[in-house]
């Protein structure tokens, strides 16, 4: 009993299933390990070369295989053997184009669904984004970038002198203004976490730090550069005033803001 196809159980004729076309050829003579087809062809025997040439002939052209091989060796590979060969060639090309169109269609569908998923994600993020716009950080950003231009202000260097000695300052409570939080606003009255209106002495812990005062009405304002550690500056703050702390060297830094006197506003 002859071999049967493992796919459709059809008879195997000339190395291929008669019904479904599943190949069952023994191509071992056509290949060597770690060697491509062109290298193998150059040193193969005439018999193996004929078999390799035959393997490139479409199945409908196999009857005229000898003529096809001669024409191939003569350089006429662009021409088909007969009308049947031309029909088969056209059919093959049509199938290839159909497969290409299917791939393009599949890619377009993938891109379409990716765009839909992205739009859905953006729609879900819009409410959160609107809430963020109302947050303290965004309000700070809008205020600083839209209403006040720091480049229009002249920076002042803090004099290298002490407003108060360390022993005198030890008598007063102080707030920490650091470059990580960077933004502070004077509230109506003093609390443990927020400074209220009053008179203060600000002291740089390290050099390379900048302090900007933005008045409550949004006009004026001043910027000071502290180039040495321990430099001090006396400030009078009112409700709604804003302080911005910036590092001049990109390193973490902070001020001590000593509360000398409270104001009632």
Protein backbone atom coordinates (compact mmCIF):
# COMPACT_ATOMS: atom_id res chain seq x y z
CA UNK A 1 0.00 0.00 0.00
CA UNK A 2 1.42 3.41 -0.97
CA UNK A 3 1.98 6.28 1.42
CA UNK A 4 -1.06 8.33 2.42
CA UNK A 5 -1.28 12.05 3.14
CA UNK A 6 -1.15 12.93 6.83
CA UNK A 7 -3.53 15.84 6.25
CA UNK A 8 -6.36 14.46 4.10
CA UNK A 9 -5.36 10.80 3.76
CA UNK A 10 -5.09 11.20 -0.01
CA UNK A 11 -2.59 9.26 -2.18
CA UNK A 12 0.94 10.68 -2.50
CA UNK A 13 2.02 10.96 -6.14
CA UNK A 14 5.47 12.25 -7.18
CA UNK A 15 6.19 13.52 -3.72
CA UNK A 16 2.92 15.49 -3.30
CA UNK A 17 -0.63 14.68 -2.14
CA UNK A 18 -2.91 14.24 -5.13
CA UNK A 19 -5.89 15.85 -3.34
CA UNK A 20 -4.61 18.67 -1.13
CA UNK A 21 -1.15 19.22 -2.63
CA UNK A 22 0.76 18.67 0.64
CA UNK A 23 4.47 18.15 -0.32
CA UNK A 24 6.19 14.93 0.75
CA UNK A 25 9.44 15.21 -1.25
CA UNK A 26 12.79 14.07 0.07
CA UNK A 27 14.94 17.19 -0.38
CA UNK A 28 17.91 15.89 1.61
CA UNK A 29 20.06 15.74 -1.54
CA UNK A 30 19.46 19.41 -2.17
CA UNK A 31 20.83 20.81 1.12
CA UNK A 32 23.85 20.55 3.38
CA UNK A 33 24.07 21.73 6.98
CA UNK A 34 25.15 25.39 7.35
CA UNK A 35 25.10 25.90 3.57
CA UNK A 36 22.65 27.95 1.53
CA UNK A 37 21.08 26.75 -1.72
CA UNK A 38 23.34 28.74 -4.07
CA UNK A 39 26.55 27.41 -2.50
CA UNK A 40 25.22 23.86 -2.59
CA UNK A 41 24.23 24.25 -6.27
CA UNK A 42 27.76 25.27 -7.33
CA UNK A 43 29.47 22.09 -6.15
CA UNK A 44 26.59 19.60 -6.69
CA UNK A 45 26.56 16.88 -9.33
CA UNK A 46 24.59 17.25 -12.56
CA UNK A 47 21.89 14.93 -11.24
CA UNK A 48 21.41 16.96 -8.04
CA UNK A 49 21.36 20.20 -10.03
CA UNK A 50 18.59 18.81 -12.25
CA UNK A 51 16.60 17.86 -9.15
CA UNK A 52 17.13 21.31 -7.66
CA UNK A 53 16.02 22.93 -10.94
CA UNK A 54 12.97 20.68 -11.08
CA UNK A 55 12.02 21.68 -7.53
CA UNK A 56 11.68 25.32 -8.68
CA UNK A 57 9.20 24.45 -11.45
CA UNK A 58 5.53 25.09 -10.49
CA UNK A 59 3.54 21.86 -10.22
CA UNK A 60 1.40 22.43 -13.37
CA UNK A 61 4.64 22.81 -15.42
CA UNK A 62 6.26 19.56 -14.32
CA UNK A 63 5.37 17.72 -17.58
CA UNK A 64 7.62 20.01 -19.56
CA UNK A 65 10.30 20.00 -16.88
CA UNK A 66 13.21 19.09 -19.18
CA UNK A 67 12.46 21.93 -21.60
CA UNK A 68 11.95 24.30 -18.67
CA UNK A 69 15.37 23.37 -17.25
CA UNK A 70 17.10 23.97 -20.62
CA UNK A 71 15.40 27.33 -21.02
CA UNK A 72 16.34 28.27 -17.46
CA UNK A 73 19.99 27.45 -18.06
CA UNK A 74 19.86 29.40 -21.33
CA UNK A 75 18.75 32.52 -19.42
CA UNK A 76 15.09 32.56 -20.50
CA UNK A 77 13.68 32.39 -17.00
CA UNK A 78 11.32 35.26 -17.71
CA UNK A 79 9.34 33.15 -20.21
CA UNK A 80 6.98 30.32 -19.28
CA UNK A 81 6.89 26.93 -21.09
CA UNK A 82 3.40 27.03 -22.54
CA UNK A 83 -0.05 28.54 -22.17
CA UNK A 84 -0.69 26.39 -19.13
CA UNK A 85 2.45 27.76 -17.49
CA UNK A 86 1.40 31.34 -18.21
CA UNK A 87 -2.00 30.70 -16.65
CA UNK A 88 -0.39 29.17 -13.59
CA UNK A 89 2.00 32.09 -13.27
CA UNK A 90 -0.86 34.58 -13.41
CA UNK A 91 -2.81 32.57 -10.85
CA UNK A 92 0.18 32.52 -8.50
CA UNK A 93 0.68 36.27 -8.87
CA UNK A 94 -2.97 36.91 -8.20
CA UNK A 95 -2.81 34.79 -5.05
CA UNK A 96 0.26 36.67 -3.85
CA UNK A 97 -1.46 40.01 -4.40
CA UNK A 98 -4.51 38.74 -2.54
CA UNK A 99 -2.33 37.72 0.41
CA UNK A 100 -0.65 41.13 0.44
CA UNK A 101 -4.01 42.85 0.44
CA UNK A 102 -5.16 40.70 3.36
CA UNK A 103 -2.02 41.63 5.34
CA UNK A 104 -2.56 45.33 4.65
CA UNK A 105 -6.18 45.03 5.70
CA UNK A 106 -5.14 43.28 8.92
CA UNK A 107 -2.63 46.04 9.74
CA UNK A 108 -5.25 48.72 9.13
CA UNK A 109 -7.66 46.96 11.51
CA UNK A 110 -4.98 46.75 14.22
CA UNK A 111 -4.22 50.47 13.83
CA UNK A 112 -7.94 51.28 13.91
CA UNK A 113 -8.51 49.46 17.21
CA UNK A 114 -5.37 50.98 18.72
CA UNK A 115 -6.71 54.46 17.91
CA UNK A 116 -10.09 53.56 19.45
CA UNK A 117 -8.38 52.30 22.62
CA UNK A 118 -6.26 55.45 22.84
CA UNK A 119 -9.30 57.70 22.46
CA UNK A 120 -11.14 55.75 25.16
CA UNK A 121 -8.18 56.12 27.52
CA UNK A 122 -7.99 59.87 26.84
CA UNK A 123 -11.70 60.28 27.53
CA UNK A 124 -11.28 58.52 30.87
CA UNK A 125 -8.30 60.73 31.77
CA UNK A 126 -10.04 64.05 30.98
CA UNK A 127 -11.91 64.32 34.33
CA UNK A 128 -8.71 63.59 36.26
CA UNK A 129 -6.83 66.13 34.18
CA UNK A 130 -9.44 68.78 34.91
CA UNK A 131 -9.14 68.07 38.62
CA UNK A 132 -5.38 68.40 38.38
CA UNK A 133 -5.77 71.78 36.72
CA UNK A 134 -7.52 72.92 39.87
CA UNK A 135 -4.74 71.66 42.12
CA UNK A 136 -2.28 73.82 43.98
CA UNK A 137 0.68 72.94 41.72
CA UNK A 138 -1.08 73.95 38.49
CA UNK A 139 -2.34 77.16 40.03
CA UNK A 140 1.24 77.92 40.98
CA UNK A 141 2.44 77.17 37.46
CA UNK A 142 -0.18 79.39 35.82
CA UNK A 143 0.45 82.19 38.28
CA UNK A 144 4.20 82.15 37.82
CA UNK A 145 4.30 81.67 34.04
CA UNK A 146 1.34 83.77 32.93
CA UNK A 147 1.07 86.62 35.44
CA UNK A 148 4.64 87.16 36.54
CA UNK A 149 7.74 87.00 34.38
CA UNK A 150 10.81 86.44 36.52
CA UNK A 151 13.07 87.68 33.74
CA UNK A 152 11.55 91.15 34.09
CA UNK A 153 12.73 91.38 37.71
CA UNK A 154 16.17 92.38 38.83
CA UNK A 155 17.79 89.87 41.12
CA UNK A 156 19.38 91.17 44.29
CA UNK A 157 22.31 89.67 46.11
CA UNK A 158 21.87 89.38 49.86
CA UNK A 159 24.47 91.36 51.83
CA UNK A 160 26.93 89.18 53.73
CA UNK A 161 25.81 90.35 57.13
CA UNK A 162 23.80 88.99 60.03
CA UNK A 163 20.42 90.47 60.84
CA UNK A 164 20.36 88.56 64.12
CA UNK A 165 22.88 86.30 65.83
CA UNK A 166 22.32 82.57 66.12
CA UNK A 167 21.72 82.85 69.87
CA UNK A 168 19.02 85.49 69.27
CA UNK A 169 17.31 83.43 66.57
CA UNK A 170 17.21 80.36 68.82
CA UNK A 171 14.49 82.12 70.83
CA UNK A 172 12.06 82.02 67.90
CA UNK A 173 10.18 79.25 66.15
CA UNK A 174 10.90 78.83 62.45
CA UNK A 175 9.42 77.32 59.30
CA UNK A 176 11.43 75.29 56.78
CA UNK A 177 11.14 76.47 53.16
CA UNK A 178 12.77 73.84 50.91
CA UNK A 179 13.49 73.55 47.20
CA UNK A 180 11.52 70.31 46.95
CA UNK A 181 8.15 71.85 47.89
CA UNK A 182 9.38 75.18 46.44
CA UNK A 183 6.09 77.12 46.73
CA UNK A 184 4.52 78.68 49.83
CA UNK A 185 1.69 81.11 50.54
CA UNK A 186 1.06 83.27 53.61
CA UNK A 187 -2.27 82.35 55.23
CA UNK A 188 -4.59 84.40 57.44
CA UNK A 189 -2.96 83.40 60.74
CA UNK A 190 0.00 81.34 61.90
CA UNK A 191 -0.37 77.59 62.30
CA UNK A 192 2.12 74.82 62.92
CA UNK A 193 2.52 74.21 59.18
CA UNK A 194 1.75 77.58 57.57
CA UNK A 195 3.10 81.07 58.24
CA UNK A 196 0.75 83.99 58.73
CA UNK A 197 1.28 87.74 58.40
CA UNK A 198 4.22 89.08 60.35
CA UNK A 199 7.88 90.00 60.49
CA UNK A 200 10.41 87.28 59.66
CA UNK A 201 14.12 86.64 59.30
CA UNK A 202 14.97 84.20 56.52
CA UNK A 203 18.32 82.37 56.75
CA UNK A 204 19.97 80.25 54.03
CA UNK A 205 21.17 76.90 55.35
CA UNK A 206 23.57 76.42 52.41
CA UNK A 207 24.79 78.60 49.55
CA UNK A 208 23.27 78.52 46.06
CA UNK A 209 19.60 79.17 46.78
CA UNK A 210 17.12 81.74 45.49
CA UNK A 211 14.08 83.30 47.16
CA UNK A 212 11.30 85.11 45.30
CA UNK A 213 8.62 87.19 47.00
CA UNK A 214 5.36 87.69 45.09
CA UNK A 215 2.99 90.20 46.76
CA UNK A 216 -0.67 89.26 47.18
CA UNK A 217 -1.79 91.80 44.56
CA UNK A 218 0.54 90.31 41.95
CA UNK A 219 2.48 93.53 41.39
CA UNK A 220 6.10 94.26 42.13
CA UNK A 221 7.90 91.41 43.76
CA UNK A 222 11.57 90.78 44.44
CA UNK A 223 14.16 88.02 43.94
CA UNK A 224 17.23 87.43 46.11
CA UNK A 225 20.22 85.16 45.52
CA UNK A 226 21.89 83.68 48.61
CA UNK A 227 25.46 82.83 47.58
CA UNK A 228 26.78 81.91 51.02
CA UNK A 229 25.42 79.72 53.77
CA UNK A 230 24.07 81.51 56.80
CA UNK A 231 23.09 84.69 54.91
CA UNK A 232 20.05 86.39 56.41
CA UNK A 233 17.33 88.70 55.16
CA UNK A 234 14.54 90.49 57.01
CA UNK A 235 11.06 90.12 55.45
CA UNK A 236 7.62 91.54 56.13
CA UNK A 237 4.90 89.18 54.90
CA UNK A 238 1.18 89.75 54.50
CA UNK A 239 -1.79 87.50 53.84
CA UNK A 240 -1.73 86.15 50.29
CA UNK A 241 1.96 86.83 49.70
CA UNK A 242 3.77 83.98 47.97
CA UNK A 243 7.33 82.70 48.38
CA UNK A 244 9.15 80.57 45.81
CA UNK A 245 12.34 78.69 46.71
CA UNK A 246 14.71 77.62 43.91
CA UNK A 247 18.06 75.83 43.97
CA UNK A 248 20.77 77.54 41.91
CA UNK A 249 22.88 74.38 41.51
CA UNK A 250 20.16 71.76 41.17
CA UNK A 251 20.82 70.36 44.67
CA UNK A 252 18.36 70.12 47.55
CA UNK A 253 18.49 73.22 49.76
CA UNK A 254 16.29 75.07 52.23
CA UNK A 255 15.73 78.24 54.28
CA UNK A 256 14.83 78.72 57.91
CA UNK A 257 12.09 81.35 58.23
CA UNK A 258 12.14 82.66 61.80
CA UNK A 259 8.91 84.29 63.04
CA UNK A 260 9.94 87.46 64.89
CA UNK A 261 6.56 89.16 65.20
CA UNK A 262 2.96 88.32 64.24
CA UNK A 263 0.58 90.74 62.53
CA UNK A 264 -3.20 90.82 62.84
CA UNK A 265 -4.78 91.18 59.43
